[in-house]
Amino acid sequence: FFPMLPCIWENIMLPNEDFSSLEEKIGYEFQDKKLLLQALTHSSFSNEQKINKHPNYERLEFLGDAVLELISSQFFFEHYPEWKEGQLTRVRSSMVCEPALAYCARDISLQKYILLGKGEEATGGRERDSIVSDVMEAVLGAIYLDGGFEEAKRYVHQWILSDLETKQLFYDSKSILQERAQKVGKELTYHLVSESGPDHDKAFVIEAWIDGKCVGSGTGKSKKSAEQQAAYAVLMKSPQENL
């Protein structure tokens, strides 16, 4: 698939797939395949290569971050003409923050394609939001360089700025649930049920309680993530504001 880089590919183990399946998922075929390879290469992997070293994604992530800010700013500016600057800024920030981008990246199973060094792999880097979100932006930067602004815009609209109502409910689930509980005079608390796994790959289970009653639970790699999952579960079970 990348004939110019045989030494790199000898050490790559992708689960029953190659990068062409990622191109099919995102609906974009790269003219310069090396850009896609770079966008998926973490520094830990690049540093392990003795020969044929390939650049990591950091420069493309820098570019993709700027492209994403422009495209998302234009999107909210055009779709919500009644919003003031402060509201536009808050919504844009929530939709393109690290957890949000990681959530979107997992929609296309992007974490499966990241090239990680052995140490980073062993410490759970493939599931780390910071890495997955950076790669999401790096792929955007690569698409921008390879296919131009319109292709980059299509990628952002399809995979990041789609189904906004559902995504915002998930991203803001804790604050939304807190507001609803306060509105009806009820107390919301979170309780840690269990914590398992090694330090680099923890799993937390947390329950959401309202007025002394368990109303939902969630699991995550951090307590904050588990709380978010628990709050979202409650909102899905009780879409009305009366809880």
C-alpha atoms as a PDB file:
ATOM      1  CA  PHE A   1       0.000   0.000   0.000  1.00  0.00           C
ATOM      2  CA  PHE A   2       2.962   2.298   0.770  1.00  0.00           C
ATOM      3  CA  PRO A   3       5.690   0.662  -1.366  1.00  0.00           C
ATOM      4  CA  MET A   4       8.285   3.366  -0.620  1.00  0.00           C
ATOM      5  CA  LEU A   5       8.267   2.568   3.106  1.00  0.00           C
ATOM      6  CA  PRO A   6       8.703  -1.230   3.460  1.00  0.00           C
ATOM      7  CA  CYS A   7      10.710  -1.130   6.688  1.00  0.00           C
ATOM      8  CA  ILE A   8       8.001   0.786   8.518  1.00  0.00           C
ATOM      9  CA  TRP A   9       5.240  -1.564   7.451  1.00  0.00           C
ATOM     10  CA  GLU A  10       7.039  -4.655   8.692  1.00  0.00           C
ATOM     11  CA  ASN A  11       6.276  -3.590  12.273  1.00  0.00           C
ATOM     12  CA  ILE A  12       2.706  -2.366  11.803  1.00  0.00           C
ATOM     13  CA  MET A  13      -0.095  -4.564  13.048  1.00  0.00           C
ATOM     14  CA  LEU A  14      -3.519  -3.260  12.160  1.00  0.00           C
ATOM     15  CA  PRO A  15      -6.506  -5.463  13.088  1.00  0.00           C
ATOM     16  CA  ASN A  16      -7.642  -6.945   9.772  1.00  0.00           C
ATOM     17  CA  GLU A  17      -7.575  -3.587   8.049  1.00  0.00           C
ATOM     18  CA  ASP A  18      -5.221  -1.213   6.269  1.00  0.00           C
ATOM     19  CA  PHE A  19      -5.440   2.533   5.792  1.00  0.00           C
ATOM     20  CA  SER A  20      -7.576   2.197   2.659  1.00  0.00           C
ATOM     21  CA  SER A  21     -10.501   1.191   4.868  1.00  0.00           C
ATOM     22  CA  LEU A  22     -10.095   4.467   6.767  1.00  0.00           C
ATOM     23  CA  GLU A  23     -10.227   6.373   3.474  1.00  0.00           C
ATOM     24  CA  GLU A  24     -13.474   4.556   2.657  1.00  0.00           C
ATOM     25  CA  LYS A  25     -14.937   5.484   6.038  1.00  0.00           C
ATOM     26  CA  ILE A  26     -14.193   9.183   5.747  1.00  0.00           C
ATOM     27  CA  GLY A  27     -15.054   9.274   2.051  1.00  0.00           C
ATOM     28  CA  TYR A  28     -11.757  10.738   0.933  1.00  0.00           C
ATOM     29  CA  GLU A  29      -8.939   9.052  -0.988  1.00  0.00           C
ATOM     30  CA  PHE A  30      -5.546  10.665  -0.586  1.00  0.00           C
ATOM     31  CA  GLN A  31      -3.495  11.522  -3.632  1.00  0.00           C
ATOM     32  CA  ASP A  32      -0.389  11.742  -1.436  1.00  0.00           C
ATOM     33  CA  LYS A  33      -0.575   8.661   0.784  1.00  0.00           C
ATOM     34  CA  LYS A  34       2.413   9.860   2.819  1.00  0.00           C
ATOM     35  CA  LEU A  35       0.286  12.672   4.240  1.00  0.00           C
ATOM     36  CA  LEU A  36      -2.175  10.171   5.678  1.00  0.00           C
ATOM     37  CA  LEU A  37       0.662   8.058   7.068  1.00  0.00           C
ATOM     38  CA  GLN A  38       2.145  11.122   8.748  1.00  0.00           C
ATOM     39  CA  ALA A  39      -1.233  12.139  10.195  1.00  0.00           C
ATOM     40  CA  LEU A  40      -1.522   8.741  11.875  1.00  0.00           C
ATOM     41  CA  THR A  41       2.062   8.515  13.156  1.00  0.00           C
ATOM     42  CA  HIS A  42       2.648   9.305  16.825  1.00  0.00           C
ATOM     43  CA  SER A  43       6.073  10.585  17.867  1.00  0.00           C
ATOM     44  CA  SER A  44       6.654   7.443  19.952  1.00  0.00           C
ATOM     45  CA  PHE A  45       6.397   5.290  16.822  1.00  0.00           C
ATOM     46  CA  SER A  46       8.551   7.595  14.733  1.00  0.00           C
ATOM     47  CA  ASN A  47      11.248   7.671  17.415  1.00  0.00           C
ATOM     48  CA  GLU A  48      11.477   3.864  17.441  1.00  0.00           C
ATOM     49  CA  GLN A  49      12.336   3.667  13.740  1.00  0.00           C
ATOM     50  CA  LYS A  50      16.072   3.266  13.205  1.00  0.00           C
ATOM     51  CA  ILE A  51      15.890   3.840   9.437  1.00  0.00           C
ATOM     52  CA  ASN A  52      13.280   5.290   7.091  1.00  0.00           C
ATOM     53  CA  LYS A  53      12.030   7.540   9.887  1.00  0.00           C
ATOM     54  CA  HIS A  54       8.753   9.185   8.974  1.00  0.00           C
ATOM     55  CA  PRO A  55       7.518  12.519  10.393  1.00  0.00           C
ATOM     56  CA  ASN A  56       4.938  12.370  13.178  1.00  0.00           C
ATOM     57  CA  TYR A  57       1.564  14.096  13.157  1.00  0.00           C
ATOM     58  CA  GLU A  58       2.408  17.144  15.271  1.00  0.00           C
ATOM     59  CA  ARG A  59       2.848  19.663  12.440  1.00  0.00           C
ATOM     60  CA  LEU A  60      -0.296  18.436  10.685  1.00  0.00           C
ATOM     61  CA  GLU A  61      -2.203  18.658  13.973  1.00  0.00           C
ATOM     62  CA  PHE A  62      -1.098  22.297  14.316  1.00  0.00           C
ATOM     63  CA  LEU A  63      -2.438  23.034  10.827  1.00  0.00           C
ATOM     64  CA  GLY A  64      -5.622  21.022  11.326  1.00  0.00           C
ATOM     65  CA  ASP A  65      -6.397  22.904  14.540  1.00  0.00           C
ATOM     66  CA  ALA A  66      -6.348  26.224  12.649  1.00  0.00           C
ATOM     67  CA  VAL A  67      -8.425  24.856   9.768  1.00  0.00           C
ATOM     68  CA  LEU A  68     -10.972  23.437  12.219  1.00  0.00           C
ATOM     69  CA  GLU A  69     -11.321  26.770  14.019  1.00  0.00           C
ATOM     70  CA  LEU A  70     -12.012  28.578  10.759  1.00  0.00           C
ATOM     71  CA  ILE A  71     -14.519  26.022   9.435  1.00  0.00           C
ATOM     72  CA  SER A  72     -16.393  25.681  12.732  1.00  0.00           C
ATOM     73  CA  SER A  73     -16.470  29.470  13.188  1.00  0.00           C
ATOM     74  CA  GLN A  74     -17.961  29.916   9.734  1.00  0.00           C
ATOM     75  CA  PHE A  75     -20.485  27.121  10.384  1.00  0.00           C
ATOM     76  CA  PHE A  76     -21.861  28.622  13.607  1.00  0.00           C
ATOM     77  CA  PHE A  77     -21.724  32.166  12.221  1.00  0.00           C
ATOM     78  CA  GLU A  78     -23.878  31.172   9.237  1.00  0.00           C
ATOM     79  CA  HIS A  79     -26.282  28.770  10.964  1.00  0.00           C
ATOM     80  CA  TYR A  80     -27.029  30.841  14.061  1.00  0.00           C
ATOM     81  CA  PRO A  81     -27.308  34.506  12.960  1.00  0.00           C
ATOM     82  CA  GLU A  82     -29.153  35.428  16.167  1.00  0.00           C
ATOM     83  CA  TRP A  83     -26.317  34.337  18.470  1.00  0.00           C
ATOM     84  CA  LYS A  84     -23.958  36.890  20.013  1.00  0.00           C
ATOM     85  CA  GLU A  85     -20.198  36.513  20.029  1.00  0.00           C
ATOM     86  CA  GLY A  86     -20.054  35.014  23.521  1.00  0.00           C
ATOM     87  CA  GLN A  87     -22.544  32.269  22.705  1.00  0.00           C
ATOM     88  CA  LEU A  88     -20.813  31.478  19.418  1.00  0.00           C
ATOM     89  CA  THR A  89     -17.480  31.188  21.223  1.00  0.00           C
ATOM     90  CA  ARG A  90     -18.851  28.924  23.975  1.00  0.00           C
ATOM     91  CA  VAL A  91     -20.573  26.527  21.594  1.00  0.00           C
ATOM     92  CA  ARG A  92     -17.603  26.361  19.253  1.00  0.00           C
ATOM     93  CA  SER A  93     -15.319  25.621  22.196  1.00  0.00           C
ATOM     94  CA  SER A  94     -17.548  22.794  23.453  1.00  0.00           C
ATOM     95  CA  MET A  95     -17.867  21.219  20.010  1.00  0.00           C
ATOM     96  CA  VAL A  96     -14.152  21.186  19.143  1.00  0.00           C
ATOM     97  CA  CYS A  97     -12.589  20.569  22.561  1.00  0.00           C
ATOM     98  CA  GLU A  98     -10.403  17.520  23.228  1.00  0.00           C
ATOM     99  CA  PRO A  99     -13.137  15.155  24.535  1.00  0.00           C
ATOM    100  CA  ALA A 100     -15.491  16.205  21.730  1.00  0.00           C
ATOM    101  CA  LEU A 101     -12.929  15.515  19.007  1.00  0.00           C
ATOM    102  CA  ALA A 102     -12.006  12.189  20.594  1.00  0.00           C
ATOM    103  CA  TYR A 103     -15.711  11.258  20.637  1.00  0.00           C
ATOM    104  CA  CYS A 104     -15.994  12.112  16.935  1.00  0.00           C
ATOM    105  CA  ALA A 105     -12.788  10.238  16.114  1.00  0.00           C
ATOM    106  CA  ARG A 106     -14.149   7.076  17.690  1.00  0.00           C
ATOM    107  CA  ASP A 107     -17.188   7.311  15.409  1.00  0.00           C
ATOM    108  CA  ILE A 108     -14.834   6.380  12.575  1.00  0.00           C
ATOM    109  CA  SER A 109     -12.678   4.054  14.735  1.00  0.00           C
ATOM    110  CA  LEU A 110      -9.718   6.357  14.136  1.00  0.00           C
ATOM    111  CA  GLN A 111      -7.870   5.040  17.192  1.00  0.00           C
ATOM    112  CA  LYS A 112      -7.411   1.679  15.453  1.00  0.00           C
ATOM    113  CA  TYR A 113      -5.213   3.228  12.772  1.00  0.00           C
ATOM    114  CA  ILE A 114      -2.805   5.235  14.937  1.00  0.00           C
ATOM    115  CA  LEU A 115       0.825   4.116  14.777  1.00  0.00           C
ATOM    116  CA  LEU A 116       2.172   4.059  18.332  1.00  0.00           C
ATOM    117  CA  GLY A 117       5.482   3.070  19.859  1.00  0.00           C
ATOM    118  CA  LYS A 118       5.533  -0.051  22.013  1.00  0.00           C
ATOM    119  CA  GLY A 119       5.746   1.909  25.251  1.00  0.00           C
ATOM    120  CA  GLU A 120       2.881   4.253  24.379  1.00  0.00           C
ATOM    121  CA  GLU A 121       0.791   1.283  23.266  1.00  0.00           C
ATOM    122  CA  ALA A 122       1.456  -0.544  26.533  1.00  0.00           C
ATOM    123  CA  THR A 123       0.357   2.428  28.628  1.00  0.00           C
ATOM    124  CA  GLY A 124      -3.025   2.817  26.927  1.00  0.00           C
ATOM    125  CA  GLY A 125      -2.153   5.563  24.450  1.00  0.00           C
ATOM    126  CA  ARG A 126      -4.528   4.238  21.819  1.00  0.00           C
ATOM    127  CA  GLU A 127      -7.529   5.143  23.994  1.00  0.00           C
ATOM    128  CA  ARG A 128      -6.155   8.427  25.357  1.00  0.00           C
ATOM    129  CA  ASP A 129      -8.363  11.374  24.395  1.00  0.00           C
ATOM    130  CA  SER A 130      -5.385  13.700  23.970  1.00  0.00           C
ATOM    131  CA  ILE A 131      -3.807  11.470  21.312  1.00  0.00           C
ATOM    132  CA  VAL A 132      -7.020  10.507  19.509  1.00  0.00           C
ATOM    133  CA  SER A 133      -8.191  14.127  19.293  1.00  0.00           C
ATOM    134  CA  ASP A 134      -4.789  15.270  17.997  1.00  0.00           C
ATOM    135  CA  VAL A 135      -4.932  12.643  15.255  1.00  0.00           C
ATOM    136  CA  MET A 136      -8.433  13.792  14.308  1.00  0.00           C
ATOM    137  CA  GLU A 137      -7.021  17.279  13.716  1.00  0.00           C
ATOM    138  CA  ALA A 138      -3.923  15.910  11.975  1.00  0.00           C
ATOM    139  CA  VAL A 139      -6.072  14.004   9.477  1.00  0.00           C
ATOM    140  CA  LEU A 140      -7.977  17.229   8.842  1.00  0.00           C
ATOM    141  CA  GLY A 141      -4.696  19.038   8.212  1.00  0.00           C
ATOM    142  CA  ALA A 142      -3.630  16.288   5.815  1.00  0.00           C
ATOM    143  CA  ILE A 143      -6.926  16.474   3.910  1.00  0.00           C
ATOM    144  CA  TYR A 144      -6.564  20.249   3.648  1.00  0.00           C
ATOM    145  CA  LEU A 145      -3.084  19.940   2.139  1.00  0.00           C
ATOM    146  CA  ASP A 146      -4.035  17.072  -0.151  1.00  0.00           C
ATOM    147  CA  GLY A 147      -7.487  18.122  -1.346  1.00  0.00           C
ATOM    148  CA  GLY A 148      -7.989  21.758  -0.406  1.00  0.00           C
ATOM    149  CA  PHE A 149     -10.398  23.731   1.749  1.00  0.00           C
ATOM    150  CA  GLU A 150     -13.669  22.298   0.385  1.00  0.00           C
ATOM    151  CA  GLU A 151     -12.649  18.701   1.110  1.00  0.00           C
ATOM    152  CA  ALA A 152     -11.526  19.730   4.599  1.00  0.00           C
ATOM    153  CA  LYS A 153     -14.845  21.486   5.114  1.00  0.00           C
ATOM    154  CA  ARG A 154     -16.808  18.418   4.030  1.00  0.00           C
ATOM    155  CA  TYR A 155     -14.832  16.249   6.498  1.00  0.00           C
ATOM    156  CA  VAL A 156     -15.549  18.641   9.380  1.00  0.00           C
ATOM    157  CA  HIS A 157     -19.246  18.974   8.556  1.00  0.00           C
ATOM    158  CA  GLN A 158     -19.702  15.221   8.205  1.00  0.00           C
ATOM    159  CA  TRP A 159     -17.679  13.950  11.160  1.00  0.00           C
ATOM    160  CA  ILE A 160     -17.436  16.804  13.666  1.00  0.00           C
ATOM    161  CA  LEU A 161     -20.333  19.220  13.157  1.00  0.00           C
ATOM    162  CA  SER A 162     -23.000  16.605  12.472  1.00  0.00           C
ATOM    163  CA  ASP A 163     -25.842  15.662  14.858  1.00  0.00           C
ATOM    164  CA  LEU A 164     -25.021  18.662  17.030  1.00  0.00           C
ATOM    165  CA  GLU A 165     -28.006  18.352  19.346  1.00  0.00           C
ATOM    166  CA  THR A 166     -27.121  14.813  20.433  1.00  0.00           C
ATOM    167  CA  LYS A 167     -23.413  15.566  20.726  1.00  0.00           C
ATOM    168  CA  GLN A 168     -23.936  18.711  22.752  1.00  0.00           C
ATOM    169  CA  LEU A 169     -26.255  16.817  25.096  1.00  0.00           C
ATOM    170  CA  PHE A 170     -23.440  14.308  25.641  1.00  0.00           C
ATOM    171  CA  TYR A 171     -20.629  16.860  25.995  1.00  0.00           C
ATOM    172  CA  ASP A 172     -22.629  19.057  28.400  1.00  0.00           C
ATOM    173  CA  SER A 173     -24.462  16.218  30.164  1.00  0.00           C
ATOM    174  CA  LYS A 174     -23.115  16.985  33.640  1.00  0.00           C
ATOM    175  CA  SER A 175     -23.968  20.675  33.562  1.00  0.00           C
ATOM    176  CA  ILE A 176     -27.375  20.028  31.939  1.00  0.00           C
ATOM    177  CA  LEU A 177     -28.281  17.429  34.571  1.00  0.00           C
ATOM    178  CA  GLN A 178     -27.098  19.725  37.370  1.00  0.00           C
ATOM    179  CA  GLU A 179     -29.241  22.571  36.040  1.00  0.00           C
ATOM    180  CA  ARG A 180     -32.300  20.334  35.772  1.00  0.00           C
ATOM    181  CA  ALA A 181     -31.846  18.991  39.302  1.00  0.00           C
ATOM    182  CA  GLN A 182     -31.486  22.494  40.741  1.00  0.00           C
ATOM    183  CA  LYS A 183     -34.514  23.689  38.791  1.00  0.00           C
ATOM    184  CA  VAL A 184     -36.781  21.159  40.537  1.00  0.00           C
ATOM    185  CA  GLY A 185     -35.050  21.512  43.921  1.00  0.00           C
ATOM    186  CA  LYS A 186     -33.284  18.154  43.970  1.00  0.00           C
ATOM    187  CA  GLU A 187     -29.739  17.252  45.007  1.00  0.00           C
ATOM    188  CA  LEU A 188     -27.427  15.582  42.475  1.00  0.00           C
ATOM    189  CA  THR A 189     -24.368  13.657  43.660  1.00  0.00           C
ATOM    190  CA  TYR A 190     -21.934  11.169  42.125  1.00  0.00           C
ATOM    191  CA  HIS A 191     -20.604   8.070  43.895  1.00  0.00           C
ATOM    192  CA  LEU A 192     -17.601   5.965  42.938  1.00  0.00           C
ATOM    193  CA  VAL A 193     -18.701   2.312  42.754  1.00  0.00           C
ATOM    194  CA  SER A 194     -15.491   0.638  41.623  1.00  0.00           C
ATOM    195  CA  GLU A 195     -12.008   1.287  40.308  1.00  0.00           C
ATOM    196  CA  SER A 196     -10.061  -1.386  38.472  1.00  0.00           C
ATOM    197  CA  GLY A 197      -7.080  -1.936  36.191  1.00  0.00           C
ATOM    198  CA  PRO A 198      -3.435  -0.829  36.280  1.00  0.00           C
ATOM    199  CA  ASP A 199      -2.515   2.833  36.768  1.00  0.00           C
ATOM    200  CA  HIS A 200      -2.083   3.447  33.027  1.00  0.00           C
ATOM    201  CA  ASP A 201      -5.402   1.843  32.092  1.00  0.00           C
ATOM    202  CA  LYS A 202      -7.917   2.478  34.861  1.00  0.00           C
ATOM    203  CA  ALA A 203     -11.647   1.841  34.572  1.00  0.00           C
ATOM    204  CA  PHE A 204     -13.992   3.759  36.883  1.00  0.00           C
ATOM    205  CA  VAL A 205     -17.653   2.995  37.510  1.00  0.00           C
ATOM    206  CA  ILE A 206     -19.661   5.884  38.948  1.00  0.00           C
ATOM    207  CA  GLU A 207     -23.333   6.217  39.817  1.00  0.00           C
ATOM    208  CA  ALA A 208     -25.419   9.388  39.639  1.00  0.00           C
ATOM    209  CA  TRP A 209     -27.766   9.852  42.607  1.00  0.00           C
ATOM    210  CA  ILE A 210     -30.651  12.302  42.895  1.00  0.00           C
ATOM    211  CA  ASP A 211     -32.162  12.849  46.339  1.00  0.00           C
ATOM    212  CA  GLY A 212     -30.585   9.667  47.687  1.00  0.00           C
ATOM    213  CA  LYS A 213     -31.661   7.436  44.797  1.00  0.00           C
ATOM    214  CA  CYS A 214     -29.406   5.929  42.132  1.00  0.00           C
ATOM    215  CA  VAL A 215     -30.698   7.079  38.752  1.00  0.00           C
ATOM    216  CA  GLY A 216     -27.888   6.051  36.391  1.00  0.00           C
ATOM    217  CA  SER A 217     -24.327   4.783  36.097  1.00  0.00           C
ATOM    218  CA  GLY A 218     -21.374   5.223  33.767  1.00  0.00           C
ATOM    219  CA  THR A 219     -17.935   3.774  33.077  1.00  0.00           C
ATOM    220  CA  GLY A 220     -14.885   5.703  31.930  1.00  0.00           C
ATOM    221  CA  LYS A 221     -11.093   5.900  31.867  1.00  0.00           C
ATOM    222  CA  SER A 222     -11.265   8.744  34.390  1.00  0.00           C
ATOM    223  CA  LYS A 223     -13.706   9.735  37.129  1.00  0.00           C
ATOM    224  CA  LYS A 224     -14.740  12.784  35.117  1.00  0.00           C
ATOM    225  CA  SER A 225     -15.474  10.659  32.054  1.00  0.00           C
ATOM    226  CA  ALA A 226     -17.455   8.135  34.118  1.00  0.00           C
ATOM    227  CA  GLU A 227     -19.502  10.955  35.676  1.00  0.00           C
ATOM    228  CA  GLN A 228     -20.236  12.322  32.216  1.00  0.00           C
ATOM    229  CA  GLN A 229     -21.390   8.890  31.051  1.00  0.00           C
ATOM    230  CA  ALA A 230     -23.583   8.519  34.128  1.00  0.00           C
ATOM    231  CA  ALA A 231     -25.175  11.944  33.626  1.00  0.00           C
ATOM    232  CA  TYR A 232     -25.805  11.179  29.954  1.00  0.00           C
ATOM    233  CA  ALA A 233     -27.469   7.871  30.898  1.00  0.00           C
ATOM    234  CA  VAL A 234     -29.828   9.742  33.221  1.00  0.00           C
ATOM    235  CA  LEU A 235     -30.701  12.299  30.536  1.00  0.00           C
ATOM    236  CA  MET A 236     -31.418   9.506  28.044  1.00  0.00           C
ATOM    237  CA  LYS A 237     -33.738   7.767  30.515  1.00  0.00           C
ATOM    238  CA  SER A 238     -35.440  10.969  31.587  1.00  0.00           C
ATOM    239  CA  PRO A 239     -35.528  13.419  28.664  1.00  0.00           C
ATOM    240  CA  GLN A 240     -38.089  15.611  30.451  1.00  0.00           C
ATOM    241  CA  GLU A 241     -36.896  18.249  32.874  1.00  0.00           C
ATOM    242  CA  ASN A 242     -38.897  16.875  35.818  1.00  0.00           C
ATOM    243  CA  LEU A 243     -36.367  14.027  36.284  1.00  0.00           C
END
